[in-house]
Amino acid sequence: LVPWLGSRWLLTNLVHDLALGVGLYAAATGIMGYKAGQKSYCNLPGYSQHCLYGAYLSASVCGGITACLYLFSGLYCLSRRCRDQRDII
């Protein structure tokens, strides 16, 4: 993909990381956080039924971490683009 995009590689990576990556992971984090909030009754002492609270909570945390990593990656590419550094080819 890099040889075809050439000098547009950093801009394409920036759009992917910021618009798609952060947006989709933030949406998934919000959904998982909402589902974890719905299942918060599972943390009560003595609750014996199977519950996915831990899975929803861990998915929400992982989604948040991944969204932050995508954001930092996109900002790094933006700073490279603004400083007119050479492309990664």
PDB file of N, CA and C in Angstrom:
ATOM      1  N   LEU A   1       0.817  -1.193   0.000  1.00  0.00           N
ATOM      2  CA  LEU A   1       0.000   0.000   0.000  1.00  0.00           C
ATOM      3  C   LEU A   1       0.867   1.266   0.000  1.00  0.00           C
ATOM      4  N   VAL A   2       1.980   1.223   0.705  1.00  0.00           N
ATOM      5  CA  VAL A   2       2.841   2.412   0.781  1.00  0.00           C
ATOM      6  C   VAL A   2       3.396   2.808  -0.586  1.00  0.00           C
ATOM      7  N   PRO A   3       3.895   1.871  -1.411  1.00  0.00           N
ATOM      8  CA  PRO A   3       4.415   2.304  -2.720  1.00  0.00           C
ATOM      9  C   PRO A   3       3.359   2.954  -3.610  1.00  0.00           C
ATOM     10  N   TRP A   4       2.119   2.544  -3.505  1.00  0.00           N
ATOM     11  CA  TRP A   4       1.064   3.138  -4.325  1.00  0.00           C
ATOM     12  C   TRP A   4       0.675   4.523  -3.831  1.00  0.00           C
ATOM     13  N   LEU A   5       0.655   4.709  -2.528  1.00  0.00           N
ATOM     14  CA  LEU A   5       0.228   5.996  -1.980  1.00  0.00           C
ATOM     15  C   LEU A   5       1.330   7.040  -2.023  1.00  0.00           C
ATOM     16  N   GLY A   6       2.576   6.603  -1.914  1.00  0.00           N
ATOM     17  CA  GLY A   6       3.704   7.521  -2.004  1.00  0.00           C
ATOM     18  C   GLY A   6       3.664   8.614  -0.966  1.00  0.00           C
ATOM     19  N   SER A   7       3.652   9.853  -1.422  1.00  0.00           N
ATOM     20  CA  SER A   7       3.707  10.984  -0.492  1.00  0.00           C
ATOM     21  C   SER A   7       2.397  11.180   0.262  1.00  0.00           C
ATOM     22  N   ARG A   8       1.342  10.524  -0.181  1.00  0.00           N
ATOM     23  CA  ARG A   8       0.068  10.636   0.528  1.00  0.00           C
ATOM     24  C   ARG A   8      -0.054   9.621   1.656  1.00  0.00           C
ATOM     25  N   TRP A   9       1.006   8.854   1.909  1.00  0.00           N
ATOM     26  CA  TRP A   9       0.947   7.804   2.926  1.00  0.00           C
ATOM     27  C   TRP A   9       0.662   8.360   4.316  1.00  0.00           C
ATOM     28  N   LEU A  10       1.371   9.413   4.706  1.00  0.00           N
ATOM     29  CA  LEU A  10       1.166   9.967   6.045  1.00  0.00           C
ATOM     30  C   LEU A  10      -0.226  10.564   6.199  1.00  0.00           C
ATOM     31  N   LEU A  11      -0.724  11.203   5.164  1.00  0.00           N
ATOM     32  CA  LEU A  11      -2.071  11.766   5.227  1.00  0.00           C
ATOM     33  C   LEU A  11      -3.120  10.655   5.314  1.00  0.00           C
ATOM     34  N   THR A  12      -2.928   9.583   4.560  1.00  0.00           N
ATOM     35  CA  THR A  12      -3.851   8.449   4.617  1.00  0.00           C
ATOM     36  C   THR A  12      -3.817   7.797   5.983  1.00  0.00           C
ATOM     37  N   ASN A  13      -2.636   7.642   6.546  1.00  0.00           N
ATOM     38  CA  ASN A  13      -2.500   7.057   7.881  1.00  0.00           C
ATOM     39  C   ASN A  13      -3.157   7.955   8.926  1.00  0.00           C
ATOM     40  N   LEU A  14      -3.007   9.244   8.770  1.00  0.00           N
ATOM     41  CA  LEU A  14      -3.624  10.196   9.695  1.00  0.00           C
ATOM     42  C   LEU A  14      -5.145  10.098   9.652  1.00  0.00           C
ATOM     43  N   VAL A  15      -5.709  10.066   8.457  1.00  0.00           N
ATOM     44  CA  VAL A  15      -7.164   9.964   8.325  1.00  0.00           C
ATOM     45  C   VAL A  15      -7.652   8.649   8.912  1.00  0.00           C
ATOM     46  N   HIS A  16      -6.941   7.574   8.630  1.00  0.00           N
ATOM     47  CA  HIS A  16      -7.340   6.270   9.161  1.00  0.00           C
ATOM     48  C   HIS A  16      -7.275   6.251  10.675  1.00  0.00           C
ATOM     49  N   ASP A  17      -6.170   6.731  11.223  1.00  0.00           N
ATOM     50  CA  ASP A  17      -5.988   6.663  12.671  1.00  0.00           C
ATOM     51  C   ASP A  17      -6.939   7.577  13.420  1.00  0.00           C
ATOM     52  N   LEU A  18      -7.090   8.793  12.953  1.00  0.00           N
ATOM     53  CA  LEU A  18      -7.925   9.737  13.695  1.00  0.00           C
ATOM     54  C   LEU A  18      -9.416   9.529  13.441  1.00  0.00           C
ATOM     55  N   ALA A  19      -9.799   9.472  12.191  1.00  0.00           N
ATOM     56  CA  ALA A  19     -11.230   9.387  11.893  1.00  0.00           C
ATOM     57  C   ALA A  19     -11.789   7.999  12.165  1.00  0.00           C
ATOM     58  N   LEU A  20     -11.159   7.004  11.597  1.00  0.00           N
ATOM     59  CA  LEU A  20     -11.707   5.659  11.724  1.00  0.00           C
ATOM     60  C   LEU A  20     -11.314   4.993  13.032  1.00  0.00           C
ATOM     61  N   GLY A  21     -10.031   4.985  13.324  1.00  0.00           N
ATOM     62  CA  GLY A  21      -9.567   4.282  14.517  1.00  0.00           C
ATOM     63  C   GLY A  21     -10.121   4.845  15.804  1.00  0.00           C
ATOM     64  N   VAL A  22      -9.903   6.115  16.029  1.00  0.00           N
ATOM     65  CA  VAL A  22     -10.357   6.729  17.283  1.00  0.00           C
ATOM     66  C   VAL A  22     -11.879   6.749  17.345  1.00  0.00           C
ATOM     67  N   GLY A  23     -12.519   7.077  16.244  1.00  0.00           N
ATOM     68  CA  GLY A  23     -13.981   7.135  16.241  1.00  0.00           C
ATOM     69  C   GLY A  23     -14.629   5.800  16.532  1.00  0.00           C
ATOM     70  N   LEU A  24     -14.168   4.771  15.848  1.00  0.00           N
ATOM     71  CA  LEU A  24     -14.779   3.456  16.050  1.00  0.00           C
ATOM     72  C   LEU A  24     -14.453   2.875  17.416  1.00  0.00           C
ATOM     73  N   TYR A  25     -13.218   3.030  17.862  1.00  0.00           N
ATOM     74  CA  TYR A  25     -12.877   2.504  19.186  1.00  0.00           C
ATOM     75  C   TYR A  25     -13.560   3.292  20.298  1.00  0.00           C
ATOM     76  N   ALA A  26     -13.733   4.590  20.109  1.00  0.00           N
ATOM     77  CA  ALA A  26     -14.455   5.374  21.117  1.00  0.00           C
ATOM     78  C   ALA A  26     -15.922   4.954  21.175  1.00  0.00           C
ATOM     79  N   ALA A  27     -16.512   4.685  20.016  1.00  0.00           N
ATOM     80  CA  ALA A  27     -17.896   4.208  19.999  1.00  0.00           C
ATOM     81  C   ALA A  27     -18.011   2.842  20.668  1.00  0.00           C
ATOM     82  N   ALA A  28     -17.082   1.946  20.363  1.00  0.00           N
ATOM     83  CA  ALA A  28     -17.106   0.621  20.994  1.00  0.00           C
ATOM     84  C   ALA A  28     -16.892   0.724  22.498  1.00  0.00           C
ATOM     85  N   THR A  29     -16.024   1.629  22.920  1.00  0.00           N
ATOM     86  CA  THR A  29     -15.795   1.829  24.353  1.00  0.00           C
ATOM     87  C   THR A  29     -17.061   2.344  25.026  1.00  0.00           C
ATOM     88  N   GLY A  30     -17.745   3.265  24.380  1.00  0.00           N
ATOM     89  CA  GLY A  30     -19.000   3.770  24.934  1.00  0.00           C
ATOM     90  C   GLY A  30     -20.058   2.687  25.053  1.00  0.00           C
ATOM     91  N   ILE A  31     -20.169   1.856  24.038  1.00  0.00           N
ATOM     92  CA  ILE A  31     -21.148   0.764  24.073  1.00  0.00           C
ATOM     93  C   ILE A  31     -20.805  -0.231  25.170  1.00  0.00           C
ATOM     94  N   MET A  32     -19.539  -0.610  25.267  1.00  0.00           N
ATOM     95  CA  MET A  32     -19.141  -1.571  26.299  1.00  0.00           C
ATOM     96  C   MET A  32     -19.293  -0.973  27.696  1.00  0.00           C
ATOM     97  N   GLY A  33     -19.020   0.319  27.837  1.00  0.00           N
ATOM     98  CA  GLY A  33     -19.227   0.979  29.129  1.00  0.00           C
ATOM     99  C   GLY A  33     -20.696   1.012  29.507  1.00  0.00           C
ATOM    100  N   TYR A  34     -21.549   1.261  28.528  1.00  0.00           N
ATOM    101  CA  TYR A  34     -22.993   1.256  28.774  1.00  0.00           C
ATOM    102  C   TYR A  34     -23.467  -0.137  29.187  1.00  0.00           C
ATOM    103  N   LYS A  35     -22.983  -1.164  28.481  1.00  0.00           N
ATOM    104  CA  LYS A  35     -23.372  -2.536  28.819  1.00  0.00           C
ATOM    105  C   LYS A  35     -22.843  -2.935  30.193  1.00  0.00           C
ATOM    106  N   ALA A  36     -21.635  -2.485  30.528  1.00  0.00           N
ATOM    107  CA  ALA A  36     -21.090  -2.782  31.860  1.00  0.00           C
ATOM    108  C   ALA A  36     -21.929  -2.106  32.936  1.00  0.00           C
ATOM    109  N   GLY A  37     -22.404  -0.898  32.657  1.00  0.00           N
ATOM    110  CA  GLY A  37     -23.273  -0.209  33.606  1.00  0.00           C
ATOM    111  C   GLY A  37     -24.592  -0.933  33.799  1.00  0.00           C
ATOM    112  N   GLN A  38     -25.102  -1.528  32.723  1.00  0.00           N
ATOM    113  CA  GLN A  38     -26.339  -2.299  32.834  1.00  0.00           C
ATOM    114  C   GLN A  38     -26.144  -3.560  33.674  1.00  0.00           C
ATOM    115  N   LYS A  39     -24.966  -4.138  33.626  1.00  0.00           N
ATOM    116  CA  LYS A  39     -24.699  -5.391  34.338  1.00  0.00           C
ATOM    117  C   LYS A  39     -24.020  -5.161  35.683  1.00  0.00           C
ATOM    118  N   SER A  40     -24.027  -3.937  36.189  1.00  0.00           N
ATOM    119  CA  SER A  40     -23.300  -3.644  37.424  1.00  0.00           C
ATOM    120  C   SER A  40     -23.902  -4.332  38.642  1.00  0.00           C
ATOM    121  N   TYR A  41     -25.136  -4.806  38.551  1.00  0.00           N
ATOM    122  CA  TYR A  41     -25.735  -5.530  39.678  1.00  0.00           C
ATOM    123  C   TYR A  41     -25.024  -6.852  39.939  1.00  0.00           C
ATOM    124  N   CYS A  42     -24.255  -7.331  38.987  1.00  0.00           N
ATOM    125  CA  CYS A  42     -23.558  -8.611  39.141  1.00  0.00           C
ATOM    126  C   CYS A  42     -22.466  -8.543  40.200  1.00  0.00           C
ATOM    127  N   ASN A  43     -22.047  -7.360  40.587  1.00  0.00           N
ATOM    128  CA  ASN A  43     -20.982  -7.221  41.582  1.00  0.00           C
ATOM    129  C   ASN A  43     -21.485  -7.359  43.005  1.00  0.00           C
ATOM    130  N   LEU A  44     -22.772  -7.522  43.183  1.00  0.00           N
ATOM    131  CA  LEU A  44     -23.324  -7.654  44.530  1.00  0.00           C
ATOM    132  C   LEU A  44     -22.826  -8.935  45.183  1.00  0.00           C
ATOM    133  N   PRO A  45     -22.507  -8.876  46.473  1.00  0.00           N
ATOM    134  CA  PRO A  45     -22.073 -10.094  47.164  1.00  0.00           C
ATOM    135  C   PRO A  45     -23.207 -11.119  47.171  1.00  0.00           C
ATOM    136  N   GLY A  46     -22.869 -12.336  46.899  1.00  0.00           N
ATOM    137  CA  GLY A  46     -23.841 -13.416  46.913  1.00  0.00           C
ATOM    138  C   GLY A  46     -24.584 -13.617  45.606  1.00  0.00           C
ATOM    139  N   TYR A  47     -24.289 -12.828  44.577  1.00  0.00           N
ATOM    140  CA  TYR A  47     -24.949 -13.020  43.283  1.00  0.00           C
ATOM    141  C   TYR A  47     -24.316 -14.223  42.615  1.00  0.00           C
ATOM    142  N   SER A  48     -25.105 -15.247  42.349  1.00  0.00           N
ATOM    143  CA  SER A  48     -24.529 -16.521  41.904  1.00  0.00           C
ATOM    144  C   SER A  48     -24.716 -16.799  40.418  1.00  0.00           C
ATOM    145  N   GLN A  49     -25.454 -15.991  39.698  1.00  0.00           N
ATOM    146  CA  GLN A  49     -25.697 -16.247  38.279  1.00  0.00           C
ATOM    147  C   GLN A  49     -24.499 -15.806  37.430  1.00  0.00           C
ATOM    148  N   HIS A  50     -24.367 -16.429  36.271  1.00  0.00           N
ATOM    149  CA  HIS A  50     -23.302 -16.069  35.336  1.00  0.00           C
ATOM    150  C   HIS A  50     -23.553 -14.655  34.809  1.00  0.00           C
ATOM    151  N   CYS A  51     -22.520 -13.845  34.788  1.00  0.00           N
ATOM    152  CA  CYS A  51     -22.667 -12.453  34.369  1.00  0.00           C
ATOM    153  C   CYS A  51     -21.450 -12.035  33.557  1.00  0.00           C
ATOM    154  N   LEU A  52     -21.671 -11.187  32.567  1.00  0.00           N
ATOM    155  CA  LEU A  52     -20.594 -10.729  31.691  1.00  0.00           C
ATOM    156  C   LEU A  52     -20.076  -9.343  32.058  1.00  0.00           C
ATOM    157  N   TYR A  53     -20.268  -8.927  33.307  1.00  0.00           N
ATOM    158  CA  TYR A  53     -19.818  -7.600  33.718  1.00  0.00           C
ATOM    159  C   TYR A  53     -18.314  -7.449  33.522  1.00  0.00           C
ATOM    160  N   GLY A  54     -17.547  -8.438  33.953  1.00  0.00           N
ATOM    161  CA  GLY A  54     -16.087  -8.366  33.821  1.00  0.00           C
ATOM    162  C   GLY A  54     -15.653  -8.297  32.368  1.00  0.00           C
ATOM    163  N   ALA A  55     -16.330  -9.043  31.503  1.00  0.00           N
ATOM    164  CA  ALA A  55     -15.988  -9.021  30.079  1.00  0.00           C
ATOM    165  C   ALA A  55     -16.296  -7.658  29.467  1.00  0.00           C
ATOM    166  N   TYR A  56     -17.449  -7.106  29.795  1.00  0.00           N
ATOM    167  CA  TYR A  56     -17.797  -5.783  29.273  1.00  0.00           C
ATOM    168  C   TYR A  56     -16.852  -4.707  29.805  1.00  0.00           C
ATOM    169  N   LEU A  57     -16.516  -4.802  31.063  1.00  0.00           N
ATOM    170  CA  LEU A  57     -15.625  -3.810  31.654  1.00  0.00           C
ATOM    171  C   LEU A  57     -14.230  -3.886  31.046  1.00  0.00           C
ATOM    172  N   SER A  58     -13.696  -5.102  30.885  1.00  0.00           N
ATOM    173  CA  SER A  58     -12.361  -5.237  30.299  1.00  0.00           C
ATOM    174  C   SER A  58     -12.368  -4.837  28.825  1.00  0.00           C
ATOM    175  N   ALA A  59     -13.451  -5.133  28.099  1.00  0.00           N
ATOM    176  CA  ALA A  59     -13.541  -4.694  26.703  1.00  0.00           C
ATOM    177  C   ALA A  59     -13.585  -3.175  26.619  1.00  0.00           C
ATOM    178  N   SER A  60     -14.256  -2.551  27.553  1.00  0.00           N
ATOM    179  CA  SER A  60     -14.316  -1.092  27.582  1.00  0.00           C
ATOM    180  C   SER A  60     -12.944  -0.485  27.854  1.00  0.00           C
ATOM    181  N   VAL A  61     -12.214  -1.058  28.795  1.00  0.00           N
ATOM    182  CA  VAL A  61     -10.868  -0.557  29.114  1.00  0.00           C
ATOM    183  C   VAL A  61      -9.928  -0.760  27.930  1.00  0.00           C
ATOM    184  N   CYS A  62      -9.962  -1.941  27.311  1.00  0.00           N
ATOM    185  CA  CYS A  62      -9.097  -2.200  26.150  1.00  0.00           C
ATOM    186  C   CYS A  62      -9.447  -1.277  24.985  1.00  0.00           C
ATOM    187  N   GLY A  63     -10.735  -1.027  24.778  1.00  0.00           N
ATOM    188  CA  GLY A  63     -11.140  -0.102  23.723  1.00  0.00           C
ATOM    189  C   GLY A  63     -10.653   1.310  23.980  1.00  0.00           C
ATOM    190  N   GLY A  64     -10.696   1.736  25.232  1.00  0.00           N
ATOM    191  CA  GLY A  64     -10.194   3.067  25.576  1.00  0.00           C
ATOM    192  C   GLY A  64      -8.697   3.195  25.366  1.00  0.00           C
ATOM    193  N   ILE A  65      -7.960   2.169  25.757  1.00  0.00           N
ATOM    194  CA  ILE A  65      -6.503   2.180  25.558  1.00  0.00           C
ATOM    195  C   ILE A  65      -6.172   2.204  24.073  1.00  0.00           C
ATOM    196  N   THR A  66      -6.875   1.385  23.291  1.00  0.00           N
ATOM    197  CA  THR A  66      -6.618   1.333  21.857  1.00  0.00           C
ATOM    198  C   THR A  66      -6.978   2.651  21.184  1.00  0.00           C
ATOM    199  N   ALA A  67      -8.065   3.282  21.606  1.00  0.00           N
ATOM    200  CA  ALA A  67      -8.431   4.588  21.046  1.00  0.00           C
ATOM    201  C   ALA A  67      -7.349   5.619  21.340  1.00  0.00           C
ATOM    202  N   CYS A  68      -6.791   5.580  22.538  1.00  0.00           N
ATOM    203  CA  CYS A  68      -5.700   6.511  22.881  1.00  0.00           C
ATOM    204  C   CYS A  68      -4.469   6.247  22.030  1.00  0.00           C
ATOM    205  N   LEU A  69      -4.139   4.973  21.809  1.00  0.00           N
ATOM    206  CA  LEU A  69      -2.981   4.650  20.974  1.00  0.00           C
ATOM    207  C   LEU A  69      -3.191   5.114  19.533  1.00  0.00           C
ATOM    208  N   TYR A  70      -4.396   4.908  19.003  1.00  0.00           N
ATOM    209  CA  TYR A  70      -4.694   5.404  17.664  1.00  0.00           C
ATOM    210  C   TYR A  70      -4.595   6.924  17.613  1.00  0.00           C
ATOM    211  N   LEU A  71      -5.061   7.603  18.636  1.00  0.00           N
ATOM    212  CA  LEU A  71      -4.991   9.059  18.678  1.00  0.00           C
ATOM    213  C   LEU A  71      -3.543   9.530  18.688  1.00  0.00           C
ATOM    214  N   PHE A  72      -2.710   8.913  19.516  1.00  0.00           N
ATOM    215  CA  PHE A  72      -1.295   9.294  19.560  1.00  0.00           C
ATOM    216  C   PHE A  72      -0.605   9.003  18.234  1.00  0.00           C
ATOM    217  N   SER A  73      -0.945   7.886  17.595  1.00  0.00           N
ATOM    218  CA  SER A  73      -0.360   7.560  16.298  1.00  0.00           C
ATOM    219  C   SER A  73      -0.748   8.595  15.249  1.00  0.00           C
ATOM    220  N   GLY A  74      -1.996   8.979  15.235  1.00  0.00           N
ATOM    221  CA  GLY A  74      -2.443   9.988  14.279  1.00  0.00           C
ATOM    222  C   GLY A  74      -1.814  11.342  14.523  1.00  0.00           C
ATOM    223  N   LEU A  75      -1.689  11.727  15.781  1.00  0.00           N
ATOM    224  CA  LEU A  75      -1.048  13.007  16.096  1.00  0.00           C
ATOM    225  C   LEU A  75       0.432  12.994  15.739  1.00  0.00           C
ATOM    226  N   TYR A  76       1.082  11.842  15.899  1.00  0.00           N
ATOM    227  CA  TYR A  76       2.487  11.723  15.508  1.00  0.00           C
ATOM    228  C   TYR A  76       2.626  11.898  13.995  1.00  0.00           C
ATOM    229  N   CYS A  77       1.741  11.257  13.235  1.00  0.00           N
ATOM    230  CA  CYS A  77       1.789  11.409  11.781  1.00  0.00           C
ATOM    231  C   CYS A  77       1.494  12.848  11.374  1.00  0.00           C
ATOM    232  N   LEU A  78       0.587  13.499  12.080  1.00  0.00           N
ATOM    233  CA  LEU A  78       0.291  14.900  11.790  1.00  0.00           C
ATOM    234  C   LEU A  78       1.500  15.783  12.067  1.00  0.00           C
ATOM    235  N   SER A  79       2.208  15.521  13.157  1.00  0.00           N
ATOM    236  CA  SER A  79       3.397  16.324  13.455  1.00  0.00           C
ATOM    237  C   SER A  79       4.494  16.075  12.429  1.00  0.00           C
ATOM    238  N   ARG A  80       4.636  14.831  11.959  1.00  0.00           N
ATOM    239  CA  ARG A  80       5.611  14.544  10.897  1.00  0.00           C
ATOM    240  C   ARG A  80       5.238  15.287   9.624  1.00  0.00           C
ATOM    241  N   ARG A  81       3.960  15.299   9.331  1.00  0.00           N
ATOM    242  CA  ARG A  81       3.494  15.958   8.116  1.00  0.00           C
ATOM    243  C   ARG A  81       3.733  17.466   8.196  1.00  0.00           C
ATOM    244  N   CYS A  82       3.497  18.056   9.357  1.00  0.00           N
ATOM    245  CA  CYS A  82       3.686  19.499   9.523  1.00  0.00           C
ATOM    246  C   CYS A  82       5.154  19.896   9.474  1.00  0.00           C
ATOM    247  N   ARG A  83       6.042  19.000   9.882  1.00  0.00           N
ATOM    248  CA  ARG A  83       7.474  19.302   9.870  1.00  0.00           C
ATOM    249  C   ARG A  83       8.125  18.938   8.544  1.00  0.00           C
ATOM    250  N   ASP A  84       7.330  18.466   7.581  1.00  0.00           N
ATOM    251  CA  ASP A  84       7.822  18.082   6.248  1.00  0.00           C
ATOM    252  C   ASP A  84       8.947  17.067   6.305  1.00  0.00           C
ATOM    253  N   GLN A  85       8.805  16.087   7.163  1.00  0.00           N
ATOM    254  CA  GLN A  85       9.804  15.026   7.205  1.00  0.00           C
ATOM    255  C   GLN A  85       9.574  14.075   6.048  1.00  0.00           C
ATOM    256  N   ARG A  86      10.595  13.292   5.768  1.00  0.00           N
ATOM    257  CA  ARG A  86      10.510  12.352   4.656  1.00  0.00           C
ATOM    258  C   ARG A  86       9.475  11.287   4.946  1.00  0.00           C
ATOM    259  N   ASP A  87       8.902  10.786   3.889  1.00  0.00           N
ATOM    260  CA  ASP A  87       7.906   9.732   4.018  1.00  0.00           C
ATOM    261  C   ASP A  87       8.567   8.415   4.398  1.00  0.00           C
ATOM    262  N   ILE A  88       7.736   7.477   4.802  1.00  0.00           N
ATOM    263  CA  ILE A  88       8.231   6.175   5.250  1.00  0.00           C
ATOM    264  C   ILE A  88       8.175   5.202   4.078  1.00  0.00           C
ATOM    265  N   ILE A  89       9.013   5.409   3.081  1.00  0.00           N
ATOM    266  CA  ILE A  89       9.024   4.520   1.912  1.00  0.00           C
ATOM    267  C   ILE A  89      10.382   3.888   1.800  1.00  0.00           C
TER     268      ILE A  89
END
